[in-house]
Amino acid sequence: MSYQFSLAHLTLIGASAPELTYIAARAGYDFVSLRLIPMGVAGECACPAQDKAMMRATRAALDATGIELHDVELARIVADRDPKSYVPAMEVAAELGARHLISSAWTTDGTDRDFIVERFAEICDLAAPFGLTVDLEFPTFSRLTNLREAADIVRTADRPNAGILIDTIYTHFSQLDPGELDSLPREWWHFIHIADAPGEIPSERDDMIHIARDARLYPGEGCVDFEALLGRLPPVTCSIELPNLKRVEELGYEGHARRCLEAARRCLEPHSFPETPAQRYIA
């Protein structure tokens, strides 16, 4: 089948939201995925939804290129952050055409399941009027480390706009059996994060973080079985989240973005695929 692809902000975290949009268009993506709720990590270009000038420039970039905004991040579940503080980002995301909001849990108390359920449910309720799904991710170095734990939160919260975001890096780190997907509701799957990973699974948290944030591999370079995962999901958009500092240094922002997409298409689409409107855009 032919997939649609989005360029996730973490792939080029130093790019501004407008810059990422233009790069996505020139490289041939269908969508762009933006970090409108900054995390303050090293190298991040802060693009908060509250920055009105930045958002006007982002709207202009979306309009000029025909690229659509697919999803935004990151509505973290933490003890000291009121979910209502995410509403301005939800509002801007909806205005820009986004469909999905990513969430993940970063609490530190292993007995805080009920708190996570309550906060996730609240984020879903806040996002619903804006037409956004809330897709819970399970980075293996976060509070929720595997699909089973994420599914427990989503099932208990029981919100119609809730879903789970599969990231192929974390399916590998958590040694997910793709068959686990078969027993979960198909309506939970809205999109997937795509990147490859080396065969050896890091035993230390810091090593996992390093690969996830700085050294992911192009699809086909590692050991992820994309067919086994995607074959169990309904048709979904593939958001390429593939930060790799070495490749960015070698190829530049746009060169890396292009190589990511080329590798994904070779790996996931062995046959031909149609030209997208974005591929016809000339900056």
C-alpha atoms as a PDB file:
ATOM      1  CA  MET A   1       0.000   0.000   0.000  1.00  0.00           C
ATOM      2  CA  SER A   2       1.008   3.644  -0.298  1.00  0.00           C
ATOM      3  CA  TYR A   3       1.624   5.491   2.950  1.00  0.00           C
ATOM      4  CA  GLN A   4       1.461   9.161   3.802  1.00  0.00           C
ATOM      5  CA  PHE A   5       4.377  10.631   5.713  1.00  0.00           C
ATOM      6  CA  SER A   6       4.841  13.439   8.203  1.00  0.00           C
ATOM      7  CA  LEU A   7       8.119  15.059   9.250  1.00  0.00           C
ATOM      8  CA  ALA A   8       8.266  15.038  13.060  1.00  0.00           C
ATOM      9  CA  HIS A   9       9.874  18.030  14.758  1.00  0.00           C
ATOM     10  CA  LEU A  10      12.305  15.918  16.801  1.00  0.00           C
ATOM     11  CA  THR A  11      13.958  14.839  13.542  1.00  0.00           C
ATOM     12  CA  LEU A  12      15.186  18.438  13.134  1.00  0.00           C
ATOM     13  CA  ILE A  13      14.613  19.801  16.636  1.00  0.00           C
ATOM     14  CA  GLY A  14      16.785  22.853  15.993  1.00  0.00           C
ATOM     15  CA  ALA A  15      14.521  24.067  13.170  1.00  0.00           C
ATOM     16  CA  SER A  16      11.747  26.564  13.766  1.00  0.00           C
ATOM     17  CA  ALA A  17       8.181  25.536  12.992  1.00  0.00           C
ATOM     18  CA  PRO A  18       8.029  27.540   9.722  1.00  0.00           C
ATOM     19  CA  GLU A  19      11.459  26.279   8.652  1.00  0.00           C
ATOM     20  CA  LEU A  20      10.470  22.672   9.338  1.00  0.00           C
ATOM     21  CA  THR A  21       7.324  23.151   7.265  1.00  0.00           C
ATOM     22  CA  TYR A  22       9.235  24.447   4.239  1.00  0.00           C
ATOM     23  CA  ILE A  23      11.769  21.624   4.560  1.00  0.00           C
ATOM     24  CA  ALA A  24       8.992  19.039   4.739  1.00  0.00           C
ATOM     25  CA  ALA A  25       7.457  20.453   1.573  1.00  0.00           C
ATOM     26  CA  ARG A  26      10.686  20.527  -0.426  1.00  0.00           C
ATOM     27  CA  ALA A  27      11.585  17.004   0.716  1.00  0.00           C
ATOM     28  CA  GLY A  28       8.224  15.577  -0.384  1.00  0.00           C
ATOM     29  CA  TYR A  29       6.338  14.930   2.852  1.00  0.00           C
ATOM     30  CA  ASP A  30       2.548  15.058   3.069  1.00  0.00           C
ATOM     31  CA  PHE A  31       2.427  16.520   6.584  1.00  0.00           C
ATOM     32  CA  VAL A  32       4.506  18.156   9.270  1.00  0.00           C
ATOM     33  CA  SER A  33       4.377  17.418  13.017  1.00  0.00           C
ATOM     34  CA  LEU A  34       5.264  20.327  15.293  1.00  0.00           C
ATOM     35  CA  ARG A  35       6.397  20.732  18.882  1.00  0.00           C
ATOM     36  CA  LEU A  36       4.185  23.624  20.005  1.00  0.00           C
ATOM     37  CA  ILE A  37       4.675  22.775  23.696  1.00  0.00           C
ATOM     38  CA  PRO A  38       8.452  23.071  24.172  1.00  0.00           C
ATOM     39  CA  MET A  39      10.322  20.686  26.465  1.00  0.00           C
ATOM     40  CA  GLY A  40      13.427  22.818  26.912  1.00  0.00           C
ATOM     41  CA  VAL A  41      15.839  20.063  25.875  1.00  0.00           C
ATOM     42  CA  ALA A  42      19.285  20.753  24.481  1.00  0.00           C
ATOM     43  CA  GLY A  43      19.282  22.056  20.913  1.00  0.00           C
ATOM     44  CA  GLU A  44      15.537  22.639  20.803  1.00  0.00           C
ATOM     45  CA  CYS A  45      14.251  25.625  18.859  1.00  0.00           C
ATOM     46  CA  ALA A  46      11.433  26.815  21.105  1.00  0.00           C
ATOM     47  CA  CYS A  47       8.253  27.283  19.069  1.00  0.00           C
ATOM     48  CA  PRO A  48       5.570  27.819  21.694  1.00  0.00           C
ATOM     49  CA  ALA A  49       2.014  28.223  20.540  1.00  0.00           C
ATOM     50  CA  GLN A  50       1.893  31.484  22.515  1.00  0.00           C
ATOM     51  CA  ASP A  51       4.473  33.036  20.155  1.00  0.00           C
ATOM     52  CA  LYS A  52       1.976  34.775  17.861  1.00  0.00           C
ATOM     53  CA  ALA A  53       4.576  35.932  15.332  1.00  0.00           C
ATOM     54  CA  MET A  54       5.974  32.410  15.072  1.00  0.00           C
ATOM     55  CA  MET A  55       2.501  30.953  14.600  1.00  0.00           C
ATOM     56  CA  ARG A  56       1.645  33.524  11.900  1.00  0.00           C
ATOM     57  CA  ALA A  57       4.804  32.531  10.067  1.00  0.00           C
ATOM     58  CA  THR A  58       3.888  28.874  10.490  1.00  0.00           C
ATOM     59  CA  ARG A  59       0.422  29.484   9.059  1.00  0.00           C
ATOM     60  CA  ALA A  60       2.000  31.293   6.120  1.00  0.00           C
ATOM     61  CA  ALA A  61       4.340  28.351   5.524  1.00  0.00           C
ATOM     62  CA  LEU A  62       1.478  25.843   5.640  1.00  0.00           C
ATOM     63  CA  ASP A  63      -0.583  27.944   3.240  1.00  0.00           C
ATOM     64  CA  ALA A  64       2.309  28.524   0.831  1.00  0.00           C
ATOM     65  CA  THR A  65       3.350  24.883   0.607  1.00  0.00           C
ATOM     66  CA  GLY A  66       0.098  22.958   0.860  1.00  0.00           C
ATOM     67  CA  ILE A  67       1.630  20.914   3.656  1.00  0.00           C
ATOM     68  CA  GLU A  68      -0.850  20.045   6.417  1.00  0.00           C
ATOM     69  CA  LEU A  69      -0.190  19.999  10.153  1.00  0.00           C
ATOM     70  CA  HIS A  70      -0.732  16.442  11.327  1.00  0.00           C
ATOM     71  CA  ASP A  71      -0.039  16.425  15.069  1.00  0.00           C
ATOM     72  CA  VAL A  72       1.541  18.477  17.844  1.00  0.00           C
ATOM     73  CA  GLU A  73       3.416  17.657  21.027  1.00  0.00           C
ATOM     74  CA  LEU A  74       3.999  17.308  23.927  1.00  0.00           C
ATOM     75  CA  ALA A  75       1.290  17.310  26.583  1.00  0.00           C
ATOM     76  CA  ARG A  76       3.337  15.720  29.344  1.00  0.00           C
ATOM     77  CA  ILE A  77       1.715  14.197  32.404  1.00  0.00           C
ATOM     78  CA  VAL A  78       3.788  15.486  35.303  1.00  0.00           C
ATOM     79  CA  ALA A  79       2.975  16.290  38.897  1.00  0.00           C
ATOM     80  CA  ASP A  80       3.604  20.038  38.648  1.00  0.00           C
ATOM     81  CA  ARG A  81       1.886  20.842  35.322  1.00  0.00           C
ATOM     82  CA  ASP A  82      -1.823  21.664  35.144  1.00  0.00           C
ATOM     83  CA  PRO A  83      -3.319  20.145  31.968  1.00  0.00           C
ATOM     84  CA  LYS A  84      -5.260  23.380  31.466  1.00  0.00           C
ATOM     85  CA  SER A  85      -1.950  25.030  30.610  1.00  0.00           C
ATOM     86  CA  TYR A  86      -1.997  23.033  27.358  1.00  0.00           C
ATOM     87  CA  VAL A  87      -5.238  24.610  26.140  1.00  0.00           C
ATOM     88  CA  PRO A  88      -3.550  27.515  24.260  1.00  0.00           C
ATOM     89  CA  ALA A  89      -1.490  24.986  22.293  1.00  0.00           C
ATOM     90  CA  MET A  90      -4.590  22.904  21.600  1.00  0.00           C
ATOM     91  CA  GLU A  91      -6.386  25.975  20.304  1.00  0.00           C
ATOM     92  CA  VAL A  92      -3.544  26.983  17.989  1.00  0.00           C
ATOM     93  CA  ALA A  93      -3.085  23.381  16.844  1.00  0.00           C
ATOM     94  CA  ALA A  94      -6.735  23.223  15.836  1.00  0.00           C
ATOM     95  CA  GLU A  95      -6.539  26.583  14.083  1.00  0.00           C
ATOM     96  CA  LEU A  96      -3.579  25.302  12.076  1.00  0.00           C
ATOM     97  CA  GLY A  97      -5.436  22.122  11.154  1.00  0.00           C
ATOM     98  CA  ALA A  98      -3.856  19.534  13.459  1.00  0.00           C
ATOM     99  CA  ARG A  99      -5.754  16.342  14.191  1.00  0.00           C
ATOM    100  CA  HIS A 100      -3.764  14.778  16.996  1.00  0.00           C
ATOM    101  CA  LEU A 101      -1.958  15.689  20.242  1.00  0.00           C
ATOM    102  CA  ILE A 102       0.803  13.523  21.702  1.00  0.00           C
ATOM    103  CA  SER A 103       0.963  12.835  25.433  1.00  0.00           C
ATOM    104  CA  SER A 104       3.296  10.831  27.670  1.00  0.00           C
ATOM    105  CA  ALA A 105       3.765  10.326  31.405  1.00  0.00           C
ATOM    106  CA  TRP A 106       6.869  11.515  33.243  1.00  0.00           C
ATOM    107  CA  THR A 107       5.920  11.045  36.861  1.00  0.00           C
ATOM    108  CA  THR A 108       8.400   9.280  39.135  1.00  0.00           C
ATOM    109  CA  ASP A 109       6.214   7.469  41.661  1.00  0.00           C
ATOM    110  CA  GLY A 110       5.530   3.888  40.652  1.00  0.00           C
ATOM    111  CA  THR A 111       2.250   3.915  42.597  1.00  0.00           C
ATOM    112  CA  ASP A 112       0.765   6.881  40.713  1.00  0.00           C
ATOM    113  CA  ARG A 113      -1.330   4.971  38.160  1.00  0.00           C
ATOM    114  CA  ASP A 114      -4.605   6.588  39.229  1.00  0.00           C
ATOM    115  CA  PHE A 115      -3.047  10.056  38.960  1.00  0.00           C
ATOM    116  CA  ILE A 116      -1.890   9.304  35.400  1.00  0.00           C
ATOM    117  CA  VAL A 117      -5.354   8.037  34.457  1.00  0.00           C
ATOM    118  CA  GLU A 118      -6.998  11.178  35.854  1.00  0.00           C
ATOM    119  CA  ARG A 119      -4.571  13.538  34.130  1.00  0.00           C
ATOM    120  CA  PHE A 120      -4.757  11.704  30.820  1.00  0.00           C
ATOM    121  CA  ALA A 121      -8.558  11.748  30.943  1.00  0.00           C
ATOM    122  CA  GLU A 122      -8.491  15.485  31.674  1.00  0.00           C
ATOM    123  CA  ILE A 123      -6.177  16.166  28.724  1.00  0.00           C
ATOM    124  CA  CYS A 124      -8.543  14.173  26.487  1.00  0.00           C
ATOM    125  CA  ASP A 125     -11.537  16.162  27.745  1.00  0.00           C
ATOM    126  CA  LEU A 126      -9.745  19.462  27.161  1.00  0.00           C
ATOM    127  CA  ALA A 127      -8.672  18.414  23.650  1.00  0.00           C
ATOM    128  CA  ALA A 128     -12.067  17.088  22.528  1.00  0.00           C
ATOM    129  CA  PRO A 129     -13.678  20.478  21.758  1.00  0.00           C
ATOM    130  CA  PHE A 130     -10.767  21.215  19.413  1.00  0.00           C
ATOM    131  CA  GLY A 131     -11.313  17.993  17.466  1.00  0.00           C
ATOM    132  CA  LEU A 132      -8.007  16.508  18.659  1.00  0.00           C
ATOM    133  CA  THR A 133      -7.264  12.950  19.591  1.00  0.00           C
ATOM    134  CA  VAL A 134      -4.793  12.462  22.449  1.00  0.00           C
ATOM    135  CA  ASP A 135      -2.301   9.722  21.669  1.00  0.00           C
ATOM    136  CA  LEU A 136      -0.385   8.264  24.601  1.00  0.00           C
ATOM    137  CA  GLU A 137       3.197   7.284  23.895  1.00  0.00           C
ATOM    138  CA  PHE A 138       5.341   4.960  26.004  1.00  0.00           C
ATOM    139  CA  PRO A 139       9.025   5.921  25.769  1.00  0.00           C
ATOM    140  CA  THR A 140      10.870   3.145  27.570  1.00  0.00           C
ATOM    141  CA  PHE A 141      12.687   5.678  29.755  1.00  0.00           C
ATOM    142  CA  SER A 142       9.450   7.415  30.811  1.00  0.00           C
ATOM    143  CA  ARG A 143       6.928   6.356  33.481  1.00  0.00           C
ATOM    144  CA  LEU A 144       5.067   4.091  31.040  1.00  0.00           C
ATOM    145  CA  THR A 145       7.609   1.752  29.505  1.00  0.00           C
ATOM    146  CA  ASN A 146       5.573  -0.652  27.384  1.00  0.00           C
ATOM    147  CA  LEU A 147       2.347  -1.121  25.437  1.00  0.00           C
ATOM    148  CA  ARG A 148       0.636  -3.007  28.241  1.00  0.00           C
ATOM    149  CA  GLU A 149       1.047  -0.085  30.664  1.00  0.00           C
ATOM    150  CA  ALA A 150      -0.109   2.474  28.086  1.00  0.00           C
ATOM    151  CA  ALA A 151      -3.132   0.356  27.155  1.00  0.00           C
ATOM    152  CA  ASP A 152      -4.126   0.130  30.811  1.00  0.00           C
ATOM    153  CA  ILE A 153      -4.202   3.941  31.075  1.00  0.00           C
ATOM    154  CA  VAL A 154      -6.153   4.442  27.844  1.00  0.00           C
ATOM    155  CA  ARG A 155      -8.638   1.684  28.645  1.00  0.00           C
ATOM    156  CA  THR A 156      -9.278   2.981  32.170  1.00  0.00           C
ATOM    157  CA  ALA A 157      -9.579   6.633  31.091  1.00  0.00           C
ATOM    158  CA  ASP A 158     -12.183   5.479  28.555  1.00  0.00           C
ATOM    159  CA  ARG A 159     -12.321   8.630  26.419  1.00  0.00           C
ATOM    160  CA  PRO A 160     -13.565   8.505  22.807  1.00  0.00           C
ATOM    161  CA  ASN A 161     -10.690  10.664  21.529  1.00  0.00           C
ATOM    162  CA  ALA A 162      -7.951   8.645  23.264  1.00  0.00           C
ATOM    163  CA  GLY A 163      -5.388   6.560  21.432  1.00  0.00           C
ATOM    164  CA  ILE A 164      -1.935   5.036  21.686  1.00  0.00           C
ATOM    165  CA  LEU A 165       1.064   6.207  19.693  1.00  0.00           C
ATOM    166  CA  ILE A 166       3.399   3.415  18.655  1.00  0.00           C
ATOM    167  CA  ASP A 167       7.018   4.470  18.169  1.00  0.00           C
ATOM    168  CA  THR A 168       9.037   1.757  16.485  1.00  0.00           C
ATOM    169  CA  ILE A 169      12.096   2.618  18.583  1.00  0.00           C
ATOM    170  CA  TYR A 170      10.190   1.905  21.772  1.00  0.00           C
ATOM    171  CA  THR A 171       8.584  -1.253  20.453  1.00  0.00           C
ATOM    172  CA  HIS A 172      12.138  -2.519  19.983  1.00  0.00           C
ATOM    173  CA  PHE A 173      13.432  -1.298  23.347  1.00  0.00           C
ATOM    174  CA  SER A 174      10.448  -2.842  25.155  1.00  0.00           C
ATOM    175  CA  GLN A 175      10.717  -6.070  23.123  1.00  0.00           C
ATOM    176  CA  LEU A 176       7.108  -5.784  22.026  1.00  0.00           C
ATOM    177  CA  ASP A 177       5.531  -8.861  20.485  1.00  0.00           C
ATOM    178  CA  PRO A 178       3.625  -7.422  17.493  1.00  0.00           C
ATOM    179  CA  GLY A 179       0.857  -9.892  18.262  1.00  0.00           C
ATOM    180  CA  GLU A 180      -0.008  -7.747  21.304  1.00  0.00           C
ATOM    181  CA  LEU A 181      -1.563  -5.243  18.910  1.00  0.00           C
ATOM    182  CA  ASP A 182      -4.179  -7.744  17.777  1.00  0.00           C
ATOM    183  CA  SER A 183      -6.133  -7.657  21.029  1.00  0.00           C
ATOM    184  CA  LEU A 184      -6.439  -3.848  21.232  1.00  0.00           C
ATOM    185  CA  PRO A 185      -9.169  -1.677  19.652  1.00  0.00           C
ATOM    186  CA  ARG A 186      -8.311  -0.585  16.118  1.00  0.00           C
ATOM    187  CA  GLU A 187      -9.760   2.861  16.812  1.00  0.00           C
ATOM    188  CA  TRP A 188      -6.852   3.518  19.177  1.00  0.00           C
ATOM    189  CA  TRP A 189      -4.377   3.689  16.285  1.00  0.00           C
ATOM    190  CA  HIS A 190      -4.198   7.077  14.556  1.00  0.00           C
ATOM    191  CA  PHE A 191      -0.566   7.284  13.415  1.00  0.00           C
ATOM    192  CA  ILE A 192       2.839   5.765  14.090  1.00  0.00           C
ATOM    193  CA  HIS A 193       6.360   7.092  14.677  1.00  0.00           C
ATOM    194  CA  ILE A 194       8.879   5.562  12.298  1.00  0.00           C
ATOM    195  CA  ALA A 195      12.628   5.064  12.808  1.00  0.00           C
ATOM    196  CA  ASP A 196      14.994   2.126  12.950  1.00  0.00           C
ATOM    197  CA  ALA A 197      17.222   0.985  15.806  1.00  0.00           C
ATOM    198  CA  PRO A 198      20.369  -1.093  16.306  1.00  0.00           C
ATOM    199  CA  GLY A 199      19.875  -4.710  17.316  1.00  0.00           C
ATOM    200  CA  GLU A 200      21.406  -4.449  20.763  1.00  0.00           C
ATOM    201  CA  ILE A 201      18.966  -3.028  23.300  1.00  0.00           C
ATOM    202  CA  PRO A 202      20.652  -0.630  25.743  1.00  0.00           C
ATOM    203  CA  SER A 203      20.540  -1.721  29.362  1.00  0.00           C
ATOM    204  CA  GLU A 204      21.036   1.787  30.742  1.00  0.00           C
ATOM    205  CA  ARG A 205      18.431   4.538  30.642  1.00  0.00           C
ATOM    206  CA  ASP A 206      20.933   7.167  29.470  1.00  0.00           C
ATOM    207  CA  ASP A 207      21.929   4.994  26.523  1.00  0.00           C
ATOM    208  CA  MET A 208      18.291   4.607  25.511  1.00  0.00           C
ATOM    209  CA  ILE A 209      17.846   8.373  25.683  1.00  0.00           C
ATOM    210  CA  HIS A 210      20.944   8.928  23.555  1.00  0.00           C
ATOM    211  CA  ILE A 211      19.683   6.681  20.758  1.00  0.00           C
ATOM    212  CA  ALA A 212      16.121   8.012  20.949  1.00  0.00           C
ATOM    213  CA  ARG A 213      17.133  11.683  20.821  1.00  0.00           C
ATOM    214  CA  ASP A 214      20.410  11.702  18.884  1.00  0.00           C
ATOM    215  CA  ALA A 215      21.149   8.460  17.026  1.00  0.00           C
ATOM    216  CA  ARG A 216      18.143   6.802  15.432  1.00  0.00           C
ATOM    217  CA  LEU A 217      18.714   4.901  12.199  1.00  0.00           C
ATOM    218  CA  TYR A 218      17.105   5.192   8.778  1.00  0.00           C
ATOM    219  CA  PRO A 219      14.432   2.530   8.118  1.00  0.00           C
ATOM    220  CA  GLY A 220      16.144  -0.573   6.802  1.00  0.00           C
ATOM    221  CA  GLU A 221      19.434   0.090   8.612  1.00  0.00           C
ATOM    222  CA  GLY A 222      18.466  -1.634  11.858  1.00  0.00           C
ATOM    223  CA  CYS A 223      16.380  -4.494  13.140  1.00  0.00           C
ATOM    224  CA  VAL A 224      12.820  -3.123  13.435  1.00  0.00           C
ATOM    225  CA  ASP A 225      10.233  -5.340  11.714  1.00  0.00           C
ATOM    226  CA  PHE A 226       8.041  -2.616  10.231  1.00  0.00           C
ATOM    227  CA  GLU A 227       5.896  -5.062   8.279  1.00  0.00           C
ATOM    228  CA  ALA A 228       4.950  -6.992  11.417  1.00  0.00           C
ATOM    229  CA  LEU A 229       3.820  -3.778  13.117  1.00  0.00           C
ATOM    230  CA  LEU A 230       2.113  -1.955  10.255  1.00  0.00           C
ATOM    231  CA  GLY A 231       0.460  -5.137   9.070  1.00  0.00           C
ATOM    232  CA  ARG A 232      -1.506  -5.232  12.311  1.00  0.00           C
ATOM    233  CA  LEU A 233      -2.642  -1.593  12.197  1.00  0.00           C
ATOM    234  CA  PRO A 234      -5.365   0.065  10.146  1.00  0.00           C
ATOM    235  CA  PRO A 235      -4.126   2.511   7.464  1.00  0.00           C
ATOM    236  CA  VAL A 236      -2.181   5.146   9.401  1.00  0.00           C
ATOM    237  CA  THR A 237       0.097   8.086   8.682  1.00  0.00           C
ATOM    238  CA  CYS A 238       3.776   7.392   9.263  1.00  0.00           C
ATOM    239  CA  SER A 239       5.382  10.272  11.131  1.00  0.00           C
ATOM    240  CA  ILE A 240       9.136  10.009  10.675  1.00  0.00           C
ATOM    241  CA  GLU A 241      10.759  10.834  14.011  1.00  0.00           C
ATOM    242  CA  LEU A 242      14.425  10.236  13.322  1.00  0.00           C
ATOM    243  CA  PRO A 243      16.897  12.513  15.088  1.00  0.00           C
ATOM    244  CA  ASN A 244      20.497  11.690  14.205  1.00  0.00           C
ATOM    245  CA  LEU A 245      23.086  14.354  14.966  1.00  0.00           C
ATOM    246  CA  LYS A 246      25.809  12.760  12.824  1.00  0.00           C
ATOM    247  CA  ARG A 247      23.588  12.566   9.749  1.00  0.00           C
ATOM    248  CA  VAL A 248      22.412  16.159  10.188  1.00  0.00           C
ATOM    249  CA  GLU A 249      26.033  17.310  10.365  1.00  0.00           C
ATOM    250  CA  GLU A 250      26.845  15.374   7.182  1.00  0.00           C
ATOM    251  CA  LEU A 251      23.739  16.180   5.142  1.00  0.00           C
ATOM    252  CA  GLY A 252      22.224  19.325   6.629  1.00  0.00           C
ATOM    253  CA  TYR A 253      18.622  19.684   7.678  1.00  0.00           C
ATOM    254  CA  GLU A 254      17.012  19.196   4.301  1.00  0.00           C
ATOM    255  CA  GLY A 255      19.401  16.464   3.193  1.00  0.00           C
ATOM    256  CA  HIS A 256      18.659  14.465   6.319  1.00  0.00           C
ATOM    257  CA  ALA A 257      14.903  14.976   5.944  1.00  0.00           C
ATOM    258  CA  ARG A 258      15.084  13.746   2.355  1.00  0.00           C
ATOM    259  CA  ARG A 259      17.161  10.715   3.276  1.00  0.00           C
ATOM    260  CA  CYS A 260      14.693   9.816   6.044  1.00  0.00           C
ATOM    261  CA  LEU A 261      11.788   9.852   3.598  1.00  0.00           C
ATOM    262  CA  GLU A 262      13.660   8.000   0.864  1.00  0.00           C
ATOM    263  CA  ALA A 263      14.650   5.253   3.295  1.00  0.00           C
ATOM    264  CA  ALA A 264      11.119   4.964   4.682  1.00  0.00           C
ATOM    265  CA  ARG A 265       9.652   4.638   1.209  1.00  0.00           C
ATOM    266  CA  ARG A 266      12.195   2.001   0.187  1.00  0.00           C
ATOM    267  CA  CYS A 267      11.497   0.052   3.350  1.00  0.00           C
ATOM    268  CA  LEU A 268       7.712   0.403   3.521  1.00  0.00           C
ATOM    269  CA  GLU A 269       6.764   0.884  -0.123  1.00  0.00           C
ATOM    270  CA  PRO A 270       8.729  -1.442  -2.371  1.00  0.00           C
ATOM    271  CA  HIS A 271       6.592  -0.346  -5.318  1.00  0.00           C
ATOM    272  CA  SER A 272       5.841   3.039  -6.859  1.00  0.00           C
ATOM    273  CA  PHE A 273       3.961   5.782  -5.043  1.00  0.00           C
ATOM    274  CA  PRO A 274       2.117   8.885  -6.302  1.00  0.00           C
ATOM    275  CA  GLU A 275       3.519  12.367  -6.291  1.00  0.00           C
ATOM    276  CA  THR A 276       2.183  14.468  -3.424  1.00  0.00           C
ATOM    277  CA  PRO A 277       1.141  18.126  -3.659  1.00  0.00           C
ATOM    278  CA  ALA A 278       4.110  18.980  -1.476  1.00  0.00           C
ATOM    279  CA  GLN A 279       6.527  17.454  -3.993  1.00  0.00           C
ATOM    280  CA  ARG A 280       5.258  19.942  -6.574  1.00  0.00           C
ATOM    281  CA  TYR A 281       6.008  22.847  -4.261  1.00  0.00           C
ATOM    282  CA  ILE A 282       9.025  24.945  -5.203  1.00  0.00           C
ATOM    283  CA  ALA A 283      10.313  27.274  -2.507  1.00  0.00           C
END
